[in-house]
């Protein structure tokens, strides 16, 4: 069974959060979107640091999102007092521990899969919707189709439970951002 099949129920649940609904309806404000990006910075940093340290990026040219994510955030940053959602603080700590665990750090691929494949797919819809107030560089990929293939080539059968964990954290963050 593929990771997509293993996580499909959670993927659908993530799409029903109020925050995602607001994005899709075009009613999320630039400040709400900036808060979302701010929280993503705390997630992508440990994922990308760990994956790079493990050498996972050598076959994934163009996968890194952190600099583009930061550029998009700075484009919208109005000096508001942003805060990390409680779930993001917990998730960040979880990712740091996972990335430093020599027996489990390979599972970081599941988090890379959930976040980055989401950017390659649904993120493209986000980019069109937030275009009135963000360039959406975060969602720009040089060779998206080949990158999807390369990510899938890195996946192993043992990643299913960890991919579900990544989705659960994503759902919690979306619900917190939507005030649920």
N, C-alpha and C. Protein backbone atom coordinates (compact mmCIF):
# COMPACT_ATOMS: atom_id res chain seq x y z
N UNK A 1 0.84 -1.17 0.00
CA UNK A 1 0.00 0.00 0.00
C UNK A 1 0.90 1.24 0.00
N UNK A 2 0.57 2.23 -0.80
CA UNK A 2 1.38 3.44 -0.91
C UNK A 2 1.13 4.38 0.27
N UNK A 3 2.06 5.32 0.48
CA UNK A 3 1.87 6.31 1.54
C UNK A 3 0.62 7.15 1.28
N UNK A 4 0.35 7.40 0.02
CA UNK A 4 -0.86 8.15 -0.32
C UNK A 4 -2.10 7.41 0.18
N UNK A 5 -2.14 6.11 -0.04
CA UNK A 5 -3.28 5.30 0.43
C UNK A 5 -3.34 5.26 1.96
N UNK A 6 -2.18 5.14 2.58
CA UNK A 6 -2.11 5.03 4.05
C UNK A 6 -2.56 6.31 4.73
N UNK A 7 -2.36 7.44 4.06
CA UNK A 7 -2.67 8.74 4.68
C UNK A 7 -3.90 9.43 4.07
N UNK A 8 -4.60 8.79 3.15
CA UNK A 8 -5.68 9.45 2.42
C UNK A 8 -6.77 10.00 3.34
N UNK A 9 -7.14 9.26 4.35
CA UNK A 9 -8.20 9.74 5.26
C UNK A 9 -7.76 11.01 5.97
N UNK A 10 -6.49 11.07 6.37
CA UNK A 10 -5.99 12.27 7.05
C UNK A 10 -5.81 13.43 6.08
N UNK A 11 -5.45 13.13 4.86
CA UNK A 11 -5.34 14.16 3.83
C UNK A 11 -6.70 14.83 3.63
N UNK A 12 -7.73 14.05 3.55
CA UNK A 12 -9.09 14.60 3.38
C UNK A 12 -9.51 15.40 4.61
N UNK A 13 -9.14 14.93 5.79
CA UNK A 13 -9.48 15.66 7.01
C UNK A 13 -8.78 17.02 7.04
N UNK A 14 -7.54 17.06 6.60
CA UNK A 14 -6.79 18.33 6.59
C UNK A 14 -7.48 19.37 5.71
N UNK A 15 -8.07 18.91 4.63
CA UNK A 15 -8.74 19.82 3.71
C UNK A 15 -10.03 20.41 4.28
N UNK A 16 -10.53 19.83 5.36
CA UNK A 16 -11.81 20.31 5.91
C UNK A 16 -11.63 21.30 7.06
N UNK A 17 -10.39 21.63 7.40
CA UNK A 17 -10.18 22.59 8.49
C UNK A 17 -10.68 23.96 8.04
N UNK A 18 -11.07 24.77 8.99
CA UNK A 18 -11.59 26.10 8.68
C UNK A 18 -10.54 26.96 8.00
N UNK A 19 -9.30 26.84 8.42
CA UNK A 19 -8.24 27.64 7.80
C UNK A 19 -8.11 27.31 6.32
N UNK A 20 -8.07 26.03 5.98
CA UNK A 20 -7.96 25.64 4.57
C UNK A 20 -9.19 26.09 3.80
N UNK A 21 -10.35 25.96 4.40
CA UNK A 21 -11.57 26.45 3.75
C UNK A 21 -11.46 27.95 3.47
N UNK A 22 -10.94 28.70 4.44
CA UNK A 22 -10.79 30.15 4.24
C UNK A 22 -9.80 30.46 3.12
N UNK A 23 -8.73 29.69 3.04
CA UNK A 23 -7.78 29.89 1.94
C UNK A 23 -8.48 29.61 0.62
N UNK A 24 -9.15 28.47 0.52
CA UNK A 24 -9.80 28.10 -0.74
C UNK A 24 -10.91 29.07 -1.14
N UNK A 25 -11.60 29.64 -0.16
CA UNK A 25 -12.65 30.63 -0.46
C UNK A 25 -12.07 32.00 -0.75
N UNK A 26 -10.79 32.17 -0.47
CA UNK A 26 -10.16 33.47 -0.70
C UNK A 26 -10.48 34.48 0.38
N UNK A 27 -10.93 34.00 1.56
CA UNK A 27 -11.28 34.92 2.64
C UNK A 27 -10.20 35.05 3.70
N UNK A 28 -9.14 34.28 3.60
CA UNK A 28 -8.02 34.42 4.55
C UNK A 28 -7.31 35.74 4.26
N UNK A 29 -6.95 36.44 5.30
CA UNK A 29 -6.28 37.72 5.14
C UNK A 29 -4.78 37.50 4.90
N UNK A 30 -4.10 38.51 4.38
CA UNK A 30 -2.65 38.39 4.23
C UNK A 30 -1.97 38.10 5.58
N UNK A 31 -2.47 38.68 6.66
CA UNK A 31 -1.89 38.44 7.97
C UNK A 31 -2.10 36.99 8.42
N UNK A 32 -3.26 36.43 8.13
CA UNK A 32 -3.51 35.03 8.48
C UNK A 32 -2.59 34.11 7.68
N UNK A 33 -2.39 34.44 6.41
CA UNK A 33 -1.49 33.65 5.59
C UNK A 33 -0.05 33.80 6.07
N UNK A 34 0.34 35.02 6.48
CA UNK A 34 1.68 35.25 7.01
C UNK A 34 1.90 34.43 8.29
N UNK A 35 0.88 34.34 9.13
CA UNK A 35 0.98 33.53 10.35
C UNK A 35 1.18 32.06 9.98
N UNK A 36 0.49 31.59 8.97
CA UNK A 36 0.65 30.23 8.48
C UNK A 36 2.10 30.00 8.03
N UNK A 37 2.64 30.94 7.23
CA UNK A 37 4.02 30.81 6.76
C UNK A 37 5.01 30.84 7.92
N UNK A 38 4.75 31.70 8.88
CA UNK A 38 5.62 31.79 10.06
C UNK A 38 5.68 30.44 10.77
N UNK A 39 4.55 29.80 10.91
CA UNK A 39 4.51 28.49 11.57
C UNK A 39 5.19 27.42 10.72
N UNK A 40 5.05 27.52 9.41
CA UNK A 40 5.72 26.55 8.54
C UNK A 40 7.24 26.65 8.65
N UNK A 41 7.76 27.84 8.89
CA UNK A 41 9.21 27.99 9.05
C UNK A 41 9.74 27.08 10.16
N UNK A 42 9.00 26.97 11.24
CA UNK A 42 9.42 26.13 12.38
C UNK A 42 9.30 24.65 12.08
N UNK A 43 8.57 24.30 11.04
CA UNK A 43 8.42 22.90 10.64
C UNK A 43 9.46 22.53 9.58
N UNK A 44 9.59 23.37 8.59
CA UNK A 44 10.50 23.06 7.48
C UNK A 44 11.96 23.09 7.89
N UNK A 45 12.31 23.95 8.83
CA UNK A 45 13.70 24.05 9.23
C UNK A 45 14.26 22.71 9.73
N UNK A 46 13.66 22.05 10.71
CA UNK A 46 14.24 20.78 11.15
C UNK A 46 14.11 19.66 10.13
N UNK A 47 13.05 19.68 9.32
CA UNK A 47 12.91 18.64 8.29
C UNK A 47 14.05 18.77 7.28
N UNK A 48 14.23 19.97 6.77
CA UNK A 48 15.25 20.15 5.74
C UNK A 48 16.67 20.00 6.29
N UNK A 49 16.90 20.48 7.51
CA UNK A 49 18.22 20.31 8.12
C UNK A 49 18.56 18.82 8.26
N UNK A 50 17.63 18.05 8.78
CA UNK A 50 17.88 16.63 8.99
C UNK A 50 18.04 15.89 7.66
N UNK A 51 17.18 16.18 6.72
CA UNK A 51 17.26 15.49 5.42
C UNK A 51 18.55 15.83 4.69
N UNK A 52 18.95 17.09 4.78
CA UNK A 52 20.21 17.50 4.15
C UNK A 52 21.38 16.79 4.84
N UNK A 53 21.36 16.75 6.16
CA UNK A 53 22.43 16.11 6.93
C UNK A 53 22.53 14.62 6.60
N UNK A 54 21.40 14.00 6.29
CA UNK A 54 21.40 12.57 5.95
C UNK A 54 21.74 12.32 4.49
N UNK A 55 21.91 13.38 3.71
CA UNK A 55 22.24 13.22 2.30
C UNK A 55 21.04 12.95 1.41
N UNK A 56 19.84 13.17 1.93
CA UNK A 56 18.64 12.87 1.14
C UNK A 56 18.40 13.84 0.00
N UNK A 57 18.99 15.01 0.06
CA UNK A 57 18.74 16.02 -0.98
C UNK A 57 19.60 15.82 -2.22
N UNK A 58 20.59 14.93 -2.15
CA UNK A 58 21.49 14.77 -3.30
C UNK A 58 20.72 14.29 -4.54
N UNK A 59 19.63 13.56 -4.36
CA UNK A 59 18.82 13.08 -5.48
C UNK A 59 17.52 13.87 -5.64
N UNK A 60 17.41 14.97 -4.89
CA UNK A 60 16.17 15.75 -4.90
C UNK A 60 16.46 17.22 -5.22
N UNK A 61 17.10 17.45 -6.34
CA UNK A 61 17.46 18.82 -6.72
C UNK A 61 16.22 19.71 -6.77
N UNK A 62 16.31 20.85 -6.10
CA UNK A 62 15.21 21.81 -6.11
C UNK A 62 14.16 21.58 -5.05
N UNK A 63 14.38 20.64 -4.14
CA UNK A 63 13.37 20.31 -3.12
C UNK A 63 13.34 21.34 -2.00
N UNK A 64 14.45 21.97 -1.70
CA UNK A 64 14.52 22.86 -0.54
C UNK A 64 13.54 24.02 -0.66
N UNK A 65 12.79 24.24 0.40
CA UNK A 65 11.75 25.26 0.43
C UNK A 65 12.03 26.38 1.41
N UNK A 66 12.91 26.17 2.35
CA UNK A 66 13.05 27.09 3.48
C UNK A 66 13.34 28.53 3.06
N UNK A 67 14.29 28.75 2.16
CA UNK A 67 14.61 30.12 1.75
C UNK A 67 13.44 30.78 1.03
N UNK A 68 12.74 30.02 0.20
CA UNK A 68 11.59 30.59 -0.50
C UNK A 68 10.43 30.85 0.47
N UNK A 69 10.27 29.98 1.42
CA UNK A 69 9.25 30.16 2.45
C UNK A 69 9.54 31.43 3.24
N UNK A 70 10.79 31.62 3.61
CA UNK A 70 11.17 32.81 4.37
C UNK A 70 10.95 34.08 3.53
N UNK A 71 11.28 34.02 2.25
CA UNK A 71 11.07 35.17 1.37
C UNK A 71 9.58 35.52 1.29
N UNK A 72 8.73 34.52 1.18
CA UNK A 72 7.28 34.78 1.14
C UNK A 72 6.80 35.38 2.45
N UNK A 73 7.31 34.88 3.56
CA UNK A 73 6.91 35.44 4.86
C UNK A 73 7.33 36.90 4.96
N UNK A 74 8.57 37.20 4.59
CA UNK A 74 9.06 38.57 4.69
C UNK A 74 8.27 39.52 3.79
N UNK A 75 7.79 39.00 2.67
CA UNK A 75 6.98 39.80 1.75
C UNK A 75 5.69 40.28 2.44
N UNK A 76 5.17 39.47 3.36
CA UNK A 76 3.90 39.78 4.02
C UNK A 76 4.07 40.30 5.45
N UNK A 77 5.25 40.15 6.01
CA UNK A 77 5.46 40.53 7.41
C UNK A 77 5.21 42.02 7.61
N UNK A 78 4.22 42.31 8.42
CA UNK A 78 3.87 43.71 8.69
C UNK A 78 4.31 44.14 10.08
N UNK A 79 5.16 43.34 10.71
CA UNK A 79 5.63 43.66 12.05
C UNK A 79 4.70 43.17 13.14
N UNK A 80 3.66 42.44 12.77
CA UNK A 80 2.75 41.88 13.77
C UNK A 80 3.49 40.92 14.69
N UNK A 81 2.96 40.75 15.84
CA UNK A 81 3.54 39.81 16.80
C UNK A 81 3.05 38.41 16.46
N UNK A 82 3.83 37.68 15.67
CA UNK A 82 3.45 36.33 15.28
C UNK A 82 3.81 35.36 16.39
N UNK A 83 3.06 34.31 16.49
CA UNK A 83 3.38 33.29 17.47
C UNK A 83 3.22 31.92 16.85
N UNK A 84 3.98 30.98 17.38
CA UNK A 84 3.85 29.61 16.93
C UNK A 84 2.65 28.98 17.60
N UNK A 85 1.90 28.23 16.83
CA UNK A 85 0.77 27.49 17.36
C UNK A 85 1.30 26.42 18.31
N UNK A 86 0.56 26.08 19.37
CA UNK A 86 1.03 25.05 20.30
C UNK A 86 1.40 23.73 19.61
N UNK A 87 0.62 23.34 18.62
CA UNK A 87 0.93 22.10 17.92
C UNK A 87 2.25 22.20 17.16
N UNK A 88 2.57 23.38 16.67
CA UNK A 88 3.81 23.58 15.93
C UNK A 88 5.02 23.52 16.87
N UNK A 89 4.89 24.09 18.05
CA UNK A 89 5.97 23.99 19.04
C UNK A 89 6.23 22.51 19.36
N UNK A 90 5.15 21.77 19.59
CA UNK A 90 5.28 20.34 19.89
C UNK A 90 5.88 19.58 18.70
N UNK A 91 5.40 19.89 17.50
CA UNK A 91 5.88 19.22 16.30
C UNK A 91 7.36 19.54 16.05
N UNK A 92 7.74 20.79 16.21
CA UNK A 92 9.13 21.19 16.04
C UNK A 92 10.03 20.39 16.97
N UNK A 93 9.64 20.30 18.24
CA UNK A 93 10.43 19.52 19.20
C UNK A 93 10.50 18.05 18.80
N UNK A 94 9.39 17.52 18.33
CA UNK A 94 9.34 16.13 17.87
C UNK A 94 10.33 15.93 16.71
N UNK A 95 10.31 16.86 15.75
CA UNK A 95 11.19 16.74 14.58
C UNK A 95 12.66 16.83 14.96
N UNK A 96 12.99 17.71 15.90
CA UNK A 96 14.38 17.83 16.36
C UNK A 96 14.83 16.50 16.97
N UNK A 97 13.99 15.93 17.83
CA UNK A 97 14.35 14.64 18.46
C UNK A 97 14.48 13.54 17.42
N UNK A 98 13.53 13.49 16.48
CA UNK A 98 13.57 12.47 15.43
C UNK A 98 14.84 12.61 14.59
N UNK A 99 15.18 13.83 14.21
CA UNK A 99 16.36 14.06 13.38
C UNK A 99 17.66 13.73 14.07
N UNK A 100 17.65 13.72 15.40
CA UNK A 100 18.86 13.41 16.16
C UNK A 100 18.91 11.97 16.67
N UNK A 101 17.90 11.20 16.37
CA UNK A 101 17.85 9.80 16.80
C UNK A 101 18.47 8.92 15.71
N UNK A 102 19.65 8.37 15.96
CA UNK A 102 20.33 7.60 14.92
C UNK A 102 19.56 6.37 14.45
N UNK A 103 18.62 5.89 15.24
CA UNK A 103 17.85 4.70 14.87
C UNK A 103 16.55 5.04 14.14
N UNK A 104 16.12 6.29 14.23
CA UNK A 104 14.82 6.67 13.64
C UNK A 104 14.91 7.83 12.65
N UNK A 105 16.06 8.48 12.54
CA UNK A 105 16.15 9.70 11.72
C UNK A 105 15.76 9.47 10.26
N UNK A 106 15.90 8.24 9.78
CA UNK A 106 15.50 7.95 8.40
C UNK A 106 14.00 8.18 8.19
N UNK A 107 13.23 8.15 9.29
CA UNK A 107 11.78 8.36 9.20
C UNK A 107 11.44 9.81 8.84
N UNK A 108 12.42 10.70 8.88
CA UNK A 108 12.19 12.09 8.49
C UNK A 108 11.72 12.15 7.04
N UNK A 109 12.02 11.12 6.26
CA UNK A 109 11.54 11.08 4.87
C UNK A 109 10.02 11.14 4.81
N UNK A 110 9.35 10.60 5.81
CA UNK A 110 7.88 10.65 5.83
C UNK A 110 7.39 12.09 5.98
N UNK A 111 8.08 12.88 6.78
CA UNK A 111 7.70 14.28 6.98
C UNK A 111 8.01 15.09 5.72
N UNK A 112 9.14 14.79 5.11
CA UNK A 112 9.49 15.41 3.83
C UNK A 112 8.41 15.10 2.80
N UNK A 113 8.00 13.86 2.74
CA UNK A 113 6.97 13.44 1.80
C UNK A 113 5.67 14.22 2.03
N UNK A 114 5.19 14.26 3.24
CA UNK A 114 3.91 14.91 3.53
C UNK A 114 3.97 16.39 3.20
N UNK A 115 4.98 17.08 3.69
CA UNK A 115 5.07 18.53 3.50
C UNK A 115 5.38 18.89 2.05
N UNK A 116 6.43 18.31 1.50
CA UNK A 116 6.91 18.73 0.19
C UNK A 116 6.04 18.22 -0.96
N UNK A 117 5.51 17.02 -0.83
CA UNK A 117 4.57 16.57 -1.87
C UNK A 117 3.30 17.40 -1.82
N UNK A 118 2.92 17.83 -0.64
CA UNK A 118 1.78 18.73 -0.53
C UNK A 118 2.04 20.04 -1.25
N UNK A 119 3.25 20.54 -1.15
CA UNK A 119 3.61 21.78 -1.84
C UNK A 119 3.61 21.60 -3.35
N UNK A 120 4.06 20.43 -3.78
CA UNK A 120 4.09 20.14 -5.22
C UNK A 120 2.70 19.94 -5.80
N UNK A 121 1.75 19.56 -4.97
CA UNK A 121 0.40 19.28 -5.45
C UNK A 121 -0.57 20.38 -5.00
N UNK A 122 -1.17 20.23 -3.84
CA UNK A 122 -2.14 21.19 -3.35
C UNK A 122 -1.58 22.58 -3.17
N UNK A 123 -0.30 22.69 -2.93
CA UNK A 123 0.33 23.99 -2.79
C UNK A 123 0.19 24.84 -4.04
N UNK A 124 0.06 24.18 -5.18
CA UNK A 124 -0.11 24.92 -6.43
C UNK A 124 -1.46 25.64 -6.46
N UNK A 125 -2.46 25.06 -5.81
CA UNK A 125 -3.76 25.72 -5.69
C UNK A 125 -3.63 26.91 -4.73
N UNK A 126 -2.94 26.70 -3.61
CA UNK A 126 -2.70 27.79 -2.65
C UNK A 126 -2.04 28.97 -3.37
N UNK A 127 -1.05 28.69 -4.20
CA UNK A 127 -0.30 29.76 -4.87
C UNK A 127 -1.23 30.64 -5.69
N UNK A 128 -2.14 30.04 -6.43
CA UNK A 128 -3.07 30.82 -7.25
C UNK A 128 -4.00 31.66 -6.39
N UNK A 129 -4.43 31.11 -5.27
CA UNK A 129 -5.39 31.80 -4.42
C UNK A 129 -4.74 32.97 -3.67
N UNK A 130 -3.51 32.80 -3.21
CA UNK A 130 -2.86 33.87 -2.44
C UNK A 130 -2.13 34.86 -3.34
N UNK A 131 -2.19 34.66 -4.64
CA UNK A 131 -1.49 35.53 -5.59
C UNK A 131 -1.79 37.02 -5.42
N UNK A 132 -3.00 37.42 -5.00
CA UNK A 132 -3.23 38.87 -4.84
C UNK A 132 -2.34 39.53 -3.78
N UNK A 133 -1.81 38.74 -2.85
CA UNK A 133 -0.96 39.35 -1.82
C UNK A 133 0.37 38.65 -1.60
N UNK A 134 0.68 37.63 -2.37
CA UNK A 134 1.97 36.95 -2.22
C UNK A 134 2.42 36.39 -3.56
N UNK A 135 3.71 36.53 -3.83
CA UNK A 135 4.26 35.94 -5.05
C UNK A 135 4.26 34.41 -4.99
N UNK A 136 4.22 33.87 -3.78
CA UNK A 136 4.17 32.42 -3.61
C UNK A 136 5.40 31.70 -4.14
N UNK A 137 6.57 32.27 -3.93
CA UNK A 137 7.82 31.63 -4.36
C UNK A 137 7.99 30.25 -3.73
N UNK A 138 7.43 30.11 -2.54
CA UNK A 138 7.48 28.85 -1.80
C UNK A 138 6.97 27.68 -2.64
N UNK A 139 6.03 27.95 -3.52
CA UNK A 139 5.41 26.90 -4.32
C UNK A 139 6.04 26.75 -5.70
N UNK A 140 7.12 27.48 -5.99
CA UNK A 140 7.79 27.40 -7.28
C UNK A 140 8.82 26.28 -7.27
N UNK A 141 8.67 25.37 -8.20
CA UNK A 141 9.61 24.27 -8.37
C UNK A 141 10.10 24.28 -9.82
N UNK A 142 11.39 24.03 -10.01
CA UNK A 142 11.96 24.04 -11.36
C UNK A 142 11.47 22.87 -12.20
N UNK A 143 11.38 21.71 -11.61
CA UNK A 143 11.01 20.50 -12.36
C UNK A 143 10.10 19.64 -11.48
N UNK A 144 8.89 20.10 -11.29
CA UNK A 144 7.96 19.49 -10.33
C UNK A 144 7.70 18.01 -10.63
N UNK A 145 7.47 17.66 -11.85
CA UNK A 145 7.10 16.26 -12.16
C UNK A 145 8.25 15.31 -11.85
N UNK A 146 9.46 15.65 -12.23
CA UNK A 146 10.60 14.78 -11.92
C UNK A 146 10.90 14.76 -10.43
N UNK A 147 10.64 15.86 -9.75
CA UNK A 147 10.86 15.91 -8.31
C UNK A 147 9.87 14.97 -7.60
N UNK A 148 8.64 14.92 -8.05
CA UNK A 148 7.66 14.00 -7.46
C UNK A 148 8.13 12.56 -7.61
N UNK A 149 8.64 12.22 -8.77
CA UNK A 149 9.14 10.87 -9.02
C UNK A 149 10.33 10.58 -8.11
N UNK A 150 11.23 11.55 -7.97
CA UNK A 150 12.42 11.37 -7.14
C UNK A 150 12.06 11.20 -5.67
N UNK A 151 11.07 11.96 -5.19
CA UNK A 151 10.63 11.81 -3.79
C UNK A 151 10.07 10.41 -3.58
N UNK A 152 9.21 9.98 -4.48
CA UNK A 152 8.61 8.65 -4.35
C UNK A 152 9.66 7.55 -4.35
N UNK A 153 10.76 7.77 -5.08
CA UNK A 153 11.84 6.77 -5.14
C UNK A 153 12.56 6.64 -3.80
N UNK A 154 12.47 7.65 -2.95
CA UNK A 154 13.13 7.64 -1.64
C UNK A 154 12.28 6.95 -0.57
N UNK A 155 11.03 6.67 -0.88
CA UNK A 155 10.11 6.15 0.13
C UNK A 155 10.32 4.66 0.36
N UNK A 156 10.13 4.27 1.61
CA UNK A 156 10.24 2.87 1.98
C UNK A 156 8.96 2.43 2.70
N UNK A 157 8.76 1.13 2.79
CA UNK A 157 7.53 0.58 3.34
C UNK A 157 7.30 0.93 4.81
N UNK A 158 8.34 1.25 5.54
CA UNK A 158 8.19 1.49 6.98
C UNK A 158 7.77 2.92 7.33
N UNK A 159 7.50 3.76 6.33
CA UNK A 159 7.21 5.17 6.58
C UNK A 159 5.74 5.49 6.86
N UNK A 160 4.85 4.53 6.67
CA UNK A 160 3.42 4.78 6.83
C UNK A 160 3.01 5.39 8.15
N UNK A 161 3.36 4.78 9.28
CA UNK A 161 2.97 5.37 10.56
C UNK A 161 3.53 6.77 10.78
N UNK A 162 4.74 7.00 10.32
CA UNK A 162 5.35 8.33 10.51
C UNK A 162 4.69 9.37 9.60
N UNK A 163 4.29 8.97 8.41
CA UNK A 163 3.56 9.89 7.53
C UNK A 163 2.21 10.26 8.15
N UNK A 164 1.58 9.32 8.81
CA UNK A 164 0.32 9.63 9.50
C UNK A 164 0.58 10.62 10.65
N UNK A 165 1.69 10.45 11.35
CA UNK A 165 2.06 11.39 12.41
C UNK A 165 2.21 12.80 11.83
N UNK A 166 2.89 12.92 10.69
CA UNK A 166 3.08 14.22 10.05
C UNK A 166 1.73 14.85 9.69
N UNK A 167 0.82 14.07 9.19
CA UNK A 167 -0.51 14.59 8.85
C UNK A 167 -1.28 15.01 10.10
N UNK A 168 -1.17 14.25 11.15
CA UNK A 168 -1.88 14.60 12.39
C UNK A 168 -1.40 15.95 12.91
N UNK A 169 -0.10 16.18 12.87
CA UNK A 169 0.42 17.48 13.28
C UNK A 169 -0.07 18.58 12.34
N UNK A 170 -0.10 18.30 11.04
CA UNK A 170 -0.57 19.30 10.07
C UNK A 170 -2.04 19.65 10.33
N UNK A 171 -2.85 18.66 10.62
CA UNK A 171 -4.27 18.90 10.91
C UNK A 171 -4.42 19.74 12.16
N UNK A 172 -3.66 19.41 13.18
CA UNK A 172 -3.74 20.18 14.44
C UNK A 172 -3.37 21.64 14.19
N UNK A 173 -2.32 21.88 13.41
CA UNK A 173 -1.92 23.25 13.12
C UNK A 173 -3.01 23.99 12.35
N UNK A 174 -3.56 23.35 11.34
CA UNK A 174 -4.61 23.99 10.53
C UNK A 174 -5.83 24.33 11.39
N UNK A 175 -6.19 23.43 12.28
CA UNK A 175 -7.33 23.70 13.16
C UNK A 175 -7.04 24.87 14.10
N UNK A 176 -5.85 24.92 14.62
CA UNK A 176 -5.49 26.04 15.49
C UNK A 176 -5.48 27.35 14.72
N UNK A 177 -4.96 27.33 13.51
CA UNK A 177 -4.96 28.55 12.68
C UNK A 177 -6.37 28.99 12.34
N UNK A 178 -7.28 28.03 12.22
CA UNK A 178 -8.67 28.35 11.90
C UNK A 178 -9.53 28.62 13.12
N UNK A 179 -8.93 28.58 14.30
CA UNK A 179 -9.68 28.87 15.52
C UNK A 179 -10.61 27.75 15.95
N UNK A 180 -10.32 26.55 15.51
CA UNK A 180 -11.19 25.40 15.85
C UNK A 180 -10.77 24.78 17.17
